Every structure is written in structure tokens, then in C-alpha cells.
Amino acid sequence: MACICVIDDQAMMRDSLTAALTAQDHRVYGYESAQEALTMIKQQPFDVVLTDLRMPGLDGVALLRELRRLGLDVPVILMTAHASVETAVEAMKLGAFDYVQKPFNAQEIEIVIERALRERALLRDNEILRRTVEDLSRHRELIGQSPAMRPVLEKVQRVAQSSATVLITGESGTGKELIARAIHAASARAEQPLLCVNCAALSPTLLESELFGHEKGAFTGADRMRKGRFELADGGTLLLDEVSEIAPALQAKLLRVLQEHEFERVGSSVTRHVDVRVIATTNRDLREWAAKARFREDLFYRLSVLPIEVPPLRDRREDIPLLLDSFIGRITAREGRERPRLTPDALKLLQEYGWPGNVRELENLCERVCVLEAGREVGPGTLAPLLTGPLKVASAPAASVAYRDGSILDDAERDLILRTLERFSGHREKTARALGIGLRTLGLKLKRWREEGSFHEERQRRATTFA
């Protein structure tokens, strides 16, 4: 089903086209003038624009020219009863998809629209592929020079030269998908597709269809044939993210395609052969799960031909400065902002923190700092309230994570709240909203700190001002 814009100043033609295309299960919006349609095209996406060539005011060619000026690449089909070679050439030069002469029947226009939709889908697929290639090129070089990461990076290069199945394990947020993309990018399959499936995000029925495809009528809602990821990734790589979450019944079918390189679509008895390299990721201990019969043991061994374990960030603290520089540089370039400047104490805090969310948590922290503290000097007082886990870690002495007159967390929280109050000129509601806390919580904290007398002289002055 497509969303189609029909423009014709003749009500009879407009209404008959709208009715015919609606009968083909399309969503159709009819407009009397190109100017009215242009206003709507700017507000909502259309899959195809079908417009009369000659109309009062803005005609079809002028509309096409305006769409291109605005950067809207929707396919435009022009209709006219006054066909001429000159007009057709001008329209095609401006990027019209096709040019049809009145009178025409519903079947003729439906064929043209179907061609436009297929071409549009192809262009979208090409754009997705282009972005995927760009994404892969950005991740060709993994960041890490620590003793814990060097063996992993060396193994990635060796594994990439093979076509055997890879199992990447590690805690959530350690960069398992990044490792998988790096393996594909360094392999002989780099020019072929890399497709990803999140096995935990789909029900068993939907996951089976996603992996192996289905025939029309295979189940309720299967109104057309659909190729699965194994078929689409033929010649390339398929990444099975969170593979531990695959249901037991589907594990058997996955084992077969890994062993025999063949499968059947859901609802089909035709066996299809594919050449796909599988990379699987999980944050579970699959060996333990297999021992408890929660995961097929034979599938575990088939997946873990080439195992790679990604270390948590707390085991590769030497890489934190490199990761910070990369994340902050990329984010500030994307946002067009000035880089924040981390003080030595702030960097020390980040290197001593436990990072329960691993590299993903570090990247999220960089996003916040780059947006909220662009161009500013950032100390531990700003960072500490943004960290979700314990600030004191086993590998660092307690004294090394304390500063000023008390606990780093309490002190940093007071500092951040007071600076935010200053930013909003003492407006508590705006301050609470910016900090993501309740207004009552903010009031109780200010009251408690005043009663404790835990502010320095300057903080006491600010608290009195904002009382």
C-alpha cells in the first residue's frame, strides 16, 4: 500500500483517479491545485505524486521544479491531454519519473505507479547500503591499546580471514556488534551485505520468518512472499545479536542451516542453498546455559568455532582517554559544538569509575557532556552526578575518589544543582526539569544541605538567594 498524491483541477478526473487507486488498496489524497498539494507534501511524505501538467497557477512542470528545489525526491508522474515532445523532454530533464497522455485507463496508470514504487524502493535500499558501507568504514579501526584489548584486535584480524562461525561474548555495552562489523569489514566478504537480526526483539514466529522468509499465505498476515535474512545475506555475513534468546524449536532449524547451508522458507517445501557467514553475539554464558539444557549444546559448539571474548571497560582503563577523544571529537563535529575540556581530576574520576554500562555508558556520558557543557571546562563535580554506578571501585583507594570537604558524590551533586539553579536564575521548576528530578526532591535536598551547614560560604549565599 502506497501513499499517493493526485493533483488535477478537473474534479471528475481527480475523483475517478482517487477512487480507482483507492480500490487498489492505496491511500490517496486528491488536491485541486498544485499549490495546495505542495503545502501538504512539505508536511507529510508521499510515495508518488500524480499531477496534471496544465493547471491554473502552478502547473505540473513548475511543481516538479519546486519539489526538486526543496530537495524532495518523491517520484512525479505527469498527466496531460496536450502532449508535446518539448514539454516531455523538459519534464524528464527536471526528473519526472514518467509522462502519460490522457485518456488512459486505471490499469495503465497502476502499472506506471508500480514501476515508480519499485524504483523508489530500490533507491531506498541503495541508500541504506551506502550508509551501511560508510558505517563499516568508520568502524574499520577499533580503538584500544590496552593489554586487555590488544589480543582481541589481533584475533579479529586472524578470524576475518576465515569463513567459520564466530561467537562474540562479553557484557552488555562492551562493543560486541562493533567487533562483528570489524570482522566483516576486514574479510573477503566486505563488499557483500552484512545484515543484523536482534533475536531478543522478535517472537519465535516472527524471528523464524525474519531469518528464513515465508511464502504467501504461510500464516495470518502473510499477504506476499518475503525473503529472509539468510537469503538476503547470501555471499555475505549475518549477525545474530543476542543469539541466546532464540527459542529451542528454532535452534534446531538454525543448527541445520549452519551445518548444511540450506533451509526452507516458512510454508514452503523448496530447499534453498546459501553461502552465509554467521557471527553471533551474547552476554550470556552459553556453555553454562547448554549444561542446564537452556541452549542446545550442539548449536553452542557450532556457533563457537571461533570464540572472541570482549573485555569490560573496567579491565581496559588505559583505553578510556582514547575512547573519550574519539567520542567527543565525533559528537562535537556532528552537533557543530565546541569541545568541552576535561580537567585532570575529571579524567581521573572516569578512569577509576566501575563502568557497569561499559563503552556504551561512556559514549552516552560523552553525548551529555558535549551537549550540556560545550566549550566549558568540565570537572569531577559535573561528571559525578551523571554516573549511574558506584564511584568508588575496588581497584582505586577510597581517598583517590574524594575531593573538597566530603564525599565526591554529595559534593558534586550539590555543585551541579547550584550551578543549574544559577543557570535558570533560581527557578526551581526549570532546574528540577533540567536535572531530571522532582521539584519536591530538589527542595528537600536544598533544605537538608542548609540544615547540615555543609555548604561553603559561597554556597550558603546561593542557597539563601534561592530559598
Protein backbone atom coordinates (compact mmCIF):
# COMPACT_ATOMS: atom_id res chain seq x y z
CA MET A 1 0.00 0.00 0.00
CA ALA A 2 1.38 3.38 -1.04
CA CYS A 3 0.54 6.95 -0.12
CA ILE A 4 -0.31 8.79 -3.37
CA CYS A 5 -0.92 12.47 -4.07
CA VAL A 6 -3.28 13.19 -7.01
CA ILE A 7 -3.44 16.75 -8.39
CA ASP A 8 -5.91 17.77 -11.09
CA ASP A 9 -8.06 20.89 -11.41
CA GLN A 10 -10.78 18.81 -13.11
CA ALA A 11 -12.95 17.32 -10.36
CA MET A 12 -14.16 14.37 -12.47
CA MET A 13 -10.63 13.24 -13.38
CA ARG A 14 -9.39 13.77 -9.82
CA ASP A 15 -12.26 11.84 -8.24
CA SER A 16 -12.10 8.92 -10.69
CA LEU A 17 -8.34 8.54 -10.20
CA THR A 18 -8.72 8.70 -6.44
CA ALA A 19 -11.44 6.03 -6.49
CA ALA A 20 -9.50 3.72 -8.84
CA LEU A 21 -6.27 3.92 -6.85
CA THR A 22 -8.10 3.54 -3.53
CA ALA A 23 -9.62 0.34 -4.90
CA GLN A 24 -6.02 -0.89 -5.36
CA ASP A 25 -5.50 -0.52 -1.58
CA HIS A 26 -3.52 2.72 -1.83
CA ARG A 27 -4.03 5.73 0.43
CA VAL A 28 -4.91 8.55 -1.95
CA TYR A 29 -5.20 12.30 -1.31
CA GLY A 30 -6.71 14.48 -4.05
CA TYR A 31 -5.98 18.20 -4.49
CA GLU A 32 -7.46 20.76 -6.88
CA SER A 33 -4.32 22.89 -7.16
CA ALA A 34 -0.57 22.25 -7.13
CA GLN A 35 -0.08 24.99 -4.55
CA GLU A 36 -2.45 23.25 -2.11
CA ALA A 37 -0.75 19.90 -2.73
CA LEU A 38 2.73 21.41 -2.27
CA THR A 39 1.76 22.61 1.20
CA MET A 40 0.75 19.06 2.16
CA ILE A 41 3.78 17.42 0.52
CA LYS A 42 6.02 19.54 2.75
CA GLN A 43 4.18 18.26 5.84
CA GLN A 44 3.88 14.54 5.15
CA PRO A 45 5.76 12.06 2.95
CA PHE A 46 4.13 10.76 -0.24
CA ASP A 47 5.36 7.74 -2.18
CA VAL A 48 4.19 9.05 -5.57
CA VAL A 49 2.84 12.36 -6.91
CA LEU A 50 0.47 12.10 -9.89
CA THR A 51 -0.19 15.58 -11.30
CA ASP A 52 -1.86 17.19 -14.29
CA LEU A 53 0.55 19.12 -16.50
CA ARG A 54 -1.57 22.15 -17.34
CA MET A 55 -3.36 23.81 -14.43
CA PRO A 56 -4.12 27.39 -13.42
CA GLY A 57 -1.39 28.99 -11.33
CA LEU A 58 1.35 26.48 -10.51
CA ASP A 59 1.41 23.89 -13.31
CA GLY A 60 2.91 20.39 -13.26
CA VAL A 61 6.38 21.36 -14.51
CA ALA A 62 6.58 24.28 -12.06
CA LEU A 63 5.55 21.95 -9.24
CA LEU A 64 8.25 19.46 -10.26
CA ARG A 65 10.83 22.25 -10.34
CA GLU A 66 9.79 23.42 -6.85
CA LEU A 67 9.95 19.89 -5.41
CA ARG A 68 13.49 19.49 -6.68
CA ARG A 69 14.46 22.90 -5.30
CA LEU A 70 13.21 21.78 -1.87
CA GLY A 71 15.20 18.54 -2.13
CA LEU A 72 12.08 16.32 -2.15
CA ASP A 73 12.84 13.27 -4.30
CA VAL A 74 9.31 11.84 -4.49
CA PRO A 75 8.59 10.28 -7.94
CA VAL A 76 6.40 12.60 -10.05
CA ILE A 77 4.20 11.31 -12.88
CA LEU A 78 2.84 13.99 -15.22
CA MET A 79 -0.55 13.68 -16.99
CA THR A 80 -1.63 15.77 -19.95
CA ALA A 81 -4.00 15.86 -22.88
CA HIS A 82 -1.62 18.24 -24.63
CA ALA A 83 1.43 16.06 -25.08
CA SER A 84 4.41 17.54 -26.86
CA VAL A 85 8.00 16.39 -27.29
CA GLU A 86 9.36 19.66 -25.93
CA THR A 87 7.31 19.51 -22.74
CA ALA A 88 8.15 15.84 -22.22
CA VAL A 89 11.88 16.49 -22.62
CA GLU A 90 11.74 19.40 -20.19
CA ALA A 91 9.84 17.32 -17.62
CA MET A 92 12.26 14.40 -17.87
CA LYS A 93 15.26 16.70 -17.53
CA LEU A 94 13.76 18.02 -14.31
CA GLY A 95 13.49 14.48 -13.01
CA ALA A 96 9.93 13.42 -13.78
CA PHE A 97 9.55 9.68 -13.39
CA ASP A 98 7.20 9.29 -16.34
CA TYR A 99 4.83 11.14 -18.65
CA VAL A 100 1.37 9.77 -19.59
CA GLN A 101 -1.13 11.10 -22.09
CA LYS A 102 -4.84 11.37 -21.46
CA PRO A 103 -7.07 9.50 -21.89
CA PHE A 104 -5.73 6.45 -20.06
CA ASN A 105 -7.36 3.65 -18.11
CA ALA A 106 -6.85 2.65 -14.48
CA GLN A 107 -4.69 -0.37 -15.37
CA GLU A 108 -2.24 1.78 -17.34
CA ILE A 109 -1.71 4.28 -14.54
CA GLU A 110 -1.44 1.48 -11.96
CA ILE A 111 1.42 -0.09 -13.96
CA VAL A 112 3.29 3.22 -14.06
CA ILE A 113 2.76 3.75 -10.33
CA GLU A 114 4.00 0.23 -9.53
CA ARG A 115 7.17 0.91 -11.52
CA ALA A 116 7.67 4.18 -9.64
CA LEU A 117 7.23 2.42 -6.30
CA ARG A 118 9.71 -0.32 -7.23
CA GLU A 119 12.29 2.25 -8.29
CA ARG A 120 11.75 4.25 -5.13
CA ALA A 121 12.21 1.12 -3.00
CA LEU A 122 15.41 0.31 -4.91
CA LEU A 123 16.76 3.82 -4.29
CA ARG A 124 15.99 3.47 -0.58
CA ASP A 125 17.77 0.11 -0.44
CA ASN A 126 20.77 1.63 -2.17
CA GLU A 127 20.82 4.48 0.35
CA ILE A 128 20.67 2.02 3.23
CA LEU A 129 23.52 0.05 1.65
CA ARG A 130 25.56 3.23 1.17
CA ARG A 131 25.09 4.20 4.80
CA THR A 132 26.00 0.68 5.89
CA VAL A 133 29.23 0.83 3.88
CA GLU A 134 30.04 4.25 5.39
CA ASP A 135 29.28 2.88 8.84
CA LEU A 136 31.57 -0.07 8.25
CA SER A 137 34.38 2.17 7.05
CA ARG A 138 34.08 4.26 10.20
CA HIS A 139 34.46 1.15 12.33
CA ARG A 140 37.34 -0.49 10.46
CA GLU A 141 39.73 0.70 13.15
CA LEU A 142 38.73 -0.39 16.63
CA ILE A 143 40.01 1.80 19.46
CA GLY A 144 42.19 0.12 22.03
CA GLN A 145 45.83 -0.17 23.05
CA SER A 146 45.43 -1.71 26.47
CA PRO A 147 46.90 -5.14 27.31
CA ALA A 148 43.33 -6.48 27.57
CA MET A 149 42.32 -5.26 24.08
CA ARG A 150 45.44 -5.98 22.05
CA PRO A 151 44.81 -9.78 21.90
CA VAL A 152 41.20 -9.12 20.87
CA LEU A 153 42.23 -6.84 18.00
CA GLU A 154 44.83 -9.34 16.82
CA LYS A 155 42.24 -12.12 16.92
CA VAL A 156 39.79 -10.01 14.89
CA GLN A 157 42.33 -9.79 12.07
CA ARG A 158 43.01 -13.54 12.10
CA VAL A 159 39.33 -14.50 12.36
CA ALA A 160 38.39 -12.18 9.49
CA GLN A 161 40.37 -14.32 7.06
CA SER A 162 38.18 -17.35 7.79
CA SER A 163 34.58 -18.13 6.86
CA ALA A 164 33.94 -20.11 10.06
CA THR A 165 31.24 -19.14 12.53
CA VAL A 166 32.24 -16.65 15.24
CA LEU A 167 30.78 -16.32 18.74
CA ILE A 168 31.46 -12.97 20.41
CA THR A 169 30.80 -12.86 24.15
CA GLY A 170 31.01 -10.11 26.71
CA GLU A 171 28.97 -7.89 28.99
CA SER A 172 26.32 -5.54 27.60
CA GLY A 173 27.81 -2.39 26.13
CA THR A 174 31.32 -3.74 25.54
CA GLY A 175 31.12 -3.35 21.74
CA LYS A 176 30.35 -6.87 20.55
CA GLU A 177 28.49 -5.63 17.47
CA LEU A 178 31.39 -3.30 16.70
CA ILE A 179 33.75 -6.30 16.75
CA ALA A 180 31.39 -8.19 14.42
CA ARG A 181 31.31 -5.30 11.95
CA ALA A 182 35.11 -5.05 12.06
CA ILE A 183 35.41 -8.77 11.25
CA HIS A 184 33.09 -8.41 8.26
CA ALA A 185 34.87 -5.24 7.05
CA ALA A 186 38.26 -6.99 7.14
CA SER A 187 37.01 -10.17 5.47
CA ALA A 188 36.79 -11.26 1.85
CA ARG A 189 33.03 -10.71 2.15
CA ALA A 190 33.38 -6.97 2.88
CA GLU A 191 31.77 -5.99 -0.44
CA GLN A 192 28.79 -8.26 0.23
CA PRO A 193 25.91 -7.44 2.61
CA LEU A 194 26.17 -7.51 6.39
CA LEU A 195 22.69 -8.00 7.86
CA CYS A 196 21.79 -7.94 11.55
CA VAL A 197 18.96 -9.57 13.48
CA ASN A 198 18.19 -8.84 17.12
CA CYS A 199 17.00 -12.27 18.27
CA ALA A 200 15.60 -10.92 21.54
CA ALA A 201 13.34 -8.34 19.88
CA LEU A 202 11.07 -10.76 17.98
CA SER A 203 8.66 -13.53 18.93
CA PRO A 204 9.65 -17.07 17.80
CA THR A 205 7.19 -16.95 14.87
CA LEU A 206 8.36 -13.56 13.64
CA LEU A 207 12.01 -14.47 14.15
CA GLU A 208 11.62 -17.63 12.06
CA SER A 209 10.09 -15.59 9.24
CA GLU A 210 12.78 -12.90 9.64
CA LEU A 211 15.57 -15.46 9.35
CA PHE A 212 14.19 -17.83 6.72
CA GLY A 213 11.44 -15.90 4.98
CA HIS A 214 7.93 -17.10 4.19
CA GLU A 215 5.60 -17.84 1.30
CA LYS A 216 2.36 -16.02 0.65
CA GLY A 217 -0.38 -17.45 2.88
CA ALA A 218 2.06 -19.25 5.19
CA PHE A 219 0.34 -17.68 8.19
CA THR A 220 -2.18 -14.99 9.02
CA GLY A 221 -0.95 -11.69 7.64
CA ALA A 222 1.48 -13.23 5.15
CA ASP A 223 -0.08 -11.48 2.16
CA ARG A 224 3.04 -11.80 -0.02
CA MET A 225 6.22 -13.80 -0.35
CA ARG A 226 9.11 -12.47 1.73
CA LYS A 227 12.78 -13.39 1.63
CA GLY A 228 14.51 -13.97 4.96
CA ARG A 229 17.83 -12.61 6.20
CA PHE A 230 19.74 -15.79 5.32
CA GLU A 231 18.60 -15.49 1.72
CA LEU A 232 19.27 -11.74 1.55
CA ALA A 233 22.73 -12.15 3.09
CA ASP A 234 23.81 -14.83 0.59
CA GLY A 235 27.51 -14.33 -0.09
CA GLY A 236 27.87 -12.02 2.90
CA THR A 237 27.57 -12.09 6.69
CA LEU A 238 24.64 -12.46 9.05
CA LEU A 239 24.96 -11.11 12.59
CA LEU A 240 22.72 -12.82 15.16
CA ASP A 241 22.62 -10.43 18.10
CA GLU A 242 21.63 -11.91 21.47
CA VAL A 243 21.58 -15.41 19.99
CA SER A 244 20.94 -16.91 23.43
CA GLU A 245 17.32 -15.69 23.24
CA ILE A 246 16.37 -17.93 20.30
CA ALA A 247 13.59 -20.37 21.22
CA PRO A 248 14.57 -24.07 21.43
CA ALA A 249 12.37 -25.11 18.48
CA LEU A 250 14.05 -22.53 16.25
CA GLN A 251 17.52 -23.50 17.46
CA ALA A 252 17.21 -26.80 15.61
CA LYS A 253 16.43 -25.05 12.33
CA LEU A 254 19.35 -22.67 12.87
CA LEU A 255 21.68 -25.62 13.54
CA ARG A 256 20.67 -27.20 10.22
CA VAL A 257 21.42 -24.09 8.16
CA LEU A 258 24.80 -23.75 9.89
CA GLN A 259 25.68 -27.37 9.17
CA GLU A 260 24.15 -27.90 5.73
CA HIS A 261 23.86 -24.31 4.43
CA GLU A 262 20.29 -24.98 3.40
CA PHE A 263 16.77 -24.14 4.64
CA GLU A 264 13.14 -23.79 3.58
CA ARG A 265 11.00 -20.69 3.80
CA VAL A 266 8.07 -20.88 6.20
CA GLY A 267 5.22 -22.51 4.28
CA SER A 268 7.49 -23.92 1.55
CA SER A 269 8.96 -27.34 0.84
CA VAL A 270 11.59 -26.00 -1.58
CA THR A 271 15.11 -26.32 -0.17
CA ARG A 272 17.33 -23.28 -0.76
CA HIS A 273 21.11 -23.21 -0.50
CA VAL A 274 23.05 -20.21 0.76
CA ASP A 275 26.64 -19.20 1.45
CA VAL A 276 26.42 -17.06 4.59
CA ARG A 277 29.00 -16.46 7.30
CA VAL A 278 27.30 -16.27 10.73
CA ILE A 279 28.59 -14.14 13.59
CA ALA A 280 26.67 -14.46 16.87
CA THR A 281 26.85 -12.29 19.97
CA THR A 282 25.62 -12.86 23.51
CA ASN A 283 26.11 -11.55 27.03
CA ARG A 284 25.20 -14.96 28.45
CA ASP A 285 27.44 -17.87 29.38
CA LEU A 286 26.22 -20.23 26.65
CA ARG A 287 28.33 -23.10 27.96
CA GLU A 288 26.50 -22.86 31.28
CA TRP A 289 23.16 -22.49 29.52
CA ALA A 290 23.90 -25.60 27.47
CA ALA A 291 24.76 -27.52 30.65
CA LYS A 292 21.37 -26.51 32.06
CA ALA A 293 19.58 -27.53 28.83
CA ARG A 294 18.53 -23.93 28.16
CA PHE A 295 20.52 -23.87 24.91
CA ARG A 296 21.32 -26.71 22.53
CA GLU A 297 24.81 -28.00 23.20
CA ASP A 298 25.39 -28.94 19.55
CA LEU A 299 24.37 -25.44 18.46
CA PHE A 300 26.71 -23.90 21.03
CA TYR A 301 29.65 -25.83 19.59
CA ARG A 302 28.61 -24.98 16.05
CA LEU A 303 28.45 -21.26 16.90
CA SER A 304 31.66 -21.08 18.92
CA VAL A 305 34.07 -22.39 16.28
CA LEU A 306 35.98 -19.11 16.64
CA PRO A 307 35.20 -17.56 20.06
CA ILE A 308 36.11 -13.97 20.95
CA GLU A 309 35.58 -12.55 24.42
CA VAL A 310 35.40 -8.75 24.66
CA PRO A 311 36.74 -7.40 27.98
CA PRO A 312 34.66 -4.98 30.07
CA LEU A 313 35.76 -1.36 30.20
CA ARG A 314 36.93 -1.69 33.82
CA ASP A 315 39.57 -4.15 32.58
CA ARG A 316 40.86 -1.76 29.91
CA ARG A 317 41.01 1.58 31.72
CA GLU A 318 44.07 2.62 29.70
CA ASP A 319 41.77 2.96 26.68
CA ILE A 320 39.42 5.47 28.32
CA PRO A 321 41.37 8.61 27.21
CA LEU A 322 41.45 7.29 23.62
CA LEU A 323 37.73 6.50 23.67
CA LEU A 324 36.91 9.90 25.18
CA ASP A 325 38.88 11.70 22.48
CA SER A 326 37.16 9.70 19.73
CA PHE A 327 33.62 10.07 21.10
CA ILE A 328 33.92 13.76 21.94
CA GLY A 329 35.51 14.54 18.58
CA ARG A 330 32.78 12.73 16.65
CA ILE A 331 29.88 14.14 18.70
CA THR A 332 31.04 17.76 18.64
CA ALA A 333 31.68 17.55 14.88
CA ARG A 334 28.19 16.15 14.34
CA GLU A 335 26.50 18.71 16.60
CA GLY A 336 28.63 21.65 15.44
CA ARG A 337 29.65 22.46 19.01
CA GLU A 338 32.89 23.42 20.71
CA ARG A 339 34.68 20.60 22.54
CA PRO A 340 34.33 20.51 26.34
CA ARG A 341 37.63 20.43 28.25
CA LEU A 342 38.00 17.69 30.88
CA THR A 343 40.21 18.55 33.85
CA PRO A 344 42.84 16.05 35.09
CA ASP A 345 40.63 15.32 38.13
CA ALA A 346 37.67 14.61 35.84
CA LEU A 347 39.73 12.20 33.74
CA LYS A 348 40.98 10.52 36.93
CA LEU A 349 37.40 10.07 38.12
CA LEU A 350 36.41 8.42 34.82
CA GLN A 351 39.39 6.08 34.92
CA GLU A 352 38.54 5.00 38.49
CA TYR A 353 34.80 4.53 37.88
CA GLY A 354 33.45 0.98 37.56
CA TRP A 355 31.53 1.45 34.23
CA PRO A 356 28.68 -1.04 34.70
CA GLY A 357 27.38 0.02 31.27
CA ASN A 358 30.84 -0.32 29.70
CA VAL A 359 31.73 1.56 26.49
CA ARG A 360 28.08 2.31 25.72
CA GLU A 361 27.76 4.11 29.06
CA LEU A 362 30.93 6.10 28.33
CA GLU A 363 29.59 7.14 24.93
CA ASN A 364 26.26 8.22 26.46
CA LEU A 365 28.16 10.28 29.04
CA CYS A 366 30.10 11.98 26.25
CA GLU A 367 26.82 12.82 24.48
CA ARG A 368 25.52 14.58 27.60
CA VAL A 369 28.73 16.44 28.30
CA CYS A 370 29.15 17.59 24.68
CA VAL A 371 25.60 18.98 24.61
CA LEU A 372 25.34 20.44 28.13
CA GLU A 373 28.93 21.57 28.66
CA ALA A 374 30.05 22.55 25.14
CA GLY A 375 33.13 24.79 25.27
CA ARG A 376 33.35 24.65 29.07
CA GLU A 377 35.85 23.20 31.48
CA VAL A 378 34.40 20.01 32.97
CA GLY A 379 35.47 18.87 36.41
CA PRO A 380 34.51 15.86 38.55
CA GLY A 381 31.71 17.88 40.14
CA THR A 382 29.93 17.96 36.79
CA LEU A 383 30.55 14.32 35.90
CA ALA A 384 29.82 12.53 39.16
CA PRO A 385 26.01 13.05 39.15
CA LEU A 386 25.88 11.71 35.58
CA LEU A 387 27.41 8.36 36.57
CA THR A 388 24.88 5.70 37.48
CA GLY A 389 27.11 3.20 39.29
CA PRO A 390 29.23 3.39 42.46
CA LEU A 391 32.03 5.93 42.24
CA LYS A 392 34.41 4.03 44.49
CA VAL A 393 35.82 0.95 42.83
CA ALA A 394 37.89 -1.89 44.20
CA SER A 395 40.95 -1.03 42.14
CA ALA A 396 41.19 2.53 43.45
CA PRO A 397 41.85 3.67 47.05
CA ALA A 398 38.94 5.47 48.66
CA ALA A 399 40.99 8.65 49.13
CA SER A 400 41.61 8.92 45.39
CA VAL A 401 37.93 9.46 44.61
CA ALA A 402 37.25 12.10 47.26
CA TYR A 403 37.81 15.80 46.91
CA ARG A 404 36.98 19.07 48.69
CA ASP A 405 35.28 18.62 52.04
CA GLY A 406 33.41 15.32 51.77
CA SER A 407 32.09 12.51 49.60
CA ILE A 408 32.64 13.16 45.89
CA LEU A 409 29.07 12.19 45.06
CA ASP A 410 27.42 14.51 47.61
CA ASP A 411 29.79 17.35 46.89
CA ALA A 412 29.44 17.00 43.12
CA GLU A 413 25.67 16.77 43.38
CA ARG A 414 25.50 19.99 45.38
CA ASP A 415 27.81 21.73 42.92
CA LEU A 416 25.79 20.64 39.88
CA ILE A 417 22.45 21.58 41.42
CA LEU A 418 23.66 25.03 42.46
CA ARG A 419 25.21 25.71 39.07
CA THR A 420 21.97 24.66 37.39
CA LEU A 421 19.99 26.93 39.72
CA GLU A 422 22.26 29.78 38.71
CA ARG A 423 21.74 28.99 35.04
CA PHE A 424 17.95 29.27 35.50
CA SER A 425 18.19 32.34 37.80
CA GLY A 426 16.93 30.42 40.82
CA HIS A 427 13.86 28.97 39.05
CA ARG A 428 13.38 25.66 40.87
CA GLU A 429 10.87 24.10 38.47
CA LYS A 430 13.14 24.65 35.44
CA THR A 431 16.13 23.41 37.44
CA ALA A 432 14.38 20.21 38.50
CA ARG A 433 13.23 19.55 34.93
CA ALA A 434 16.75 20.08 33.55
CA LEU A 435 18.25 17.75 36.16
CA GLY A 436 15.57 15.10 35.66
CA ILE A 437 14.47 15.12 39.31
CA GLY A 438 11.22 16.03 41.04
CA LEU A 439 10.57 19.55 42.31
CA ARG A 440 9.97 18.22 45.83
CA THR A 441 13.23 16.24 45.70
CA LEU A 442 15.11 19.40 44.76
CA GLY A 443 13.53 21.35 47.63
CA LEU A 444 14.33 18.64 50.17
CA LYS A 445 17.97 18.49 49.07
CA LEU A 446 18.41 22.27 49.40
CA LYS A 447 16.72 22.23 52.81
CA ARG A 448 18.85 19.32 54.05
CA TRP A 449 22.10 20.90 52.91
CA ARG A 450 21.25 24.19 54.62
CA GLU A 451 20.34 22.42 57.88
CA GLU A 452 23.56 20.37 57.74
CA GLY A 453 25.62 23.51 57.18
CA SER A 454 27.56 21.59 54.54
CA PHE A 455 27.89 24.45 52.07
CA HIS A 456 30.94 26.60 51.80
CA GLU A 457 30.38 30.32 52.35
CA GLU A 458 29.59 30.94 48.67
CA ARG A 459 27.16 28.03 48.56
CA GLN A 460 25.39 29.30 51.65
CA ARG A 461 24.97 32.68 49.97
CA ARG A 462 23.48 31.00 46.88
CA ALA A 463 21.15 28.81 48.94
CA THR A 464 19.83 31.89 50.76
CA THR A 465 19.28 33.61 47.42
CA PHE A 466 17.31 30.66 46.03
CA ALA A 467 15.34 29.92 49.21
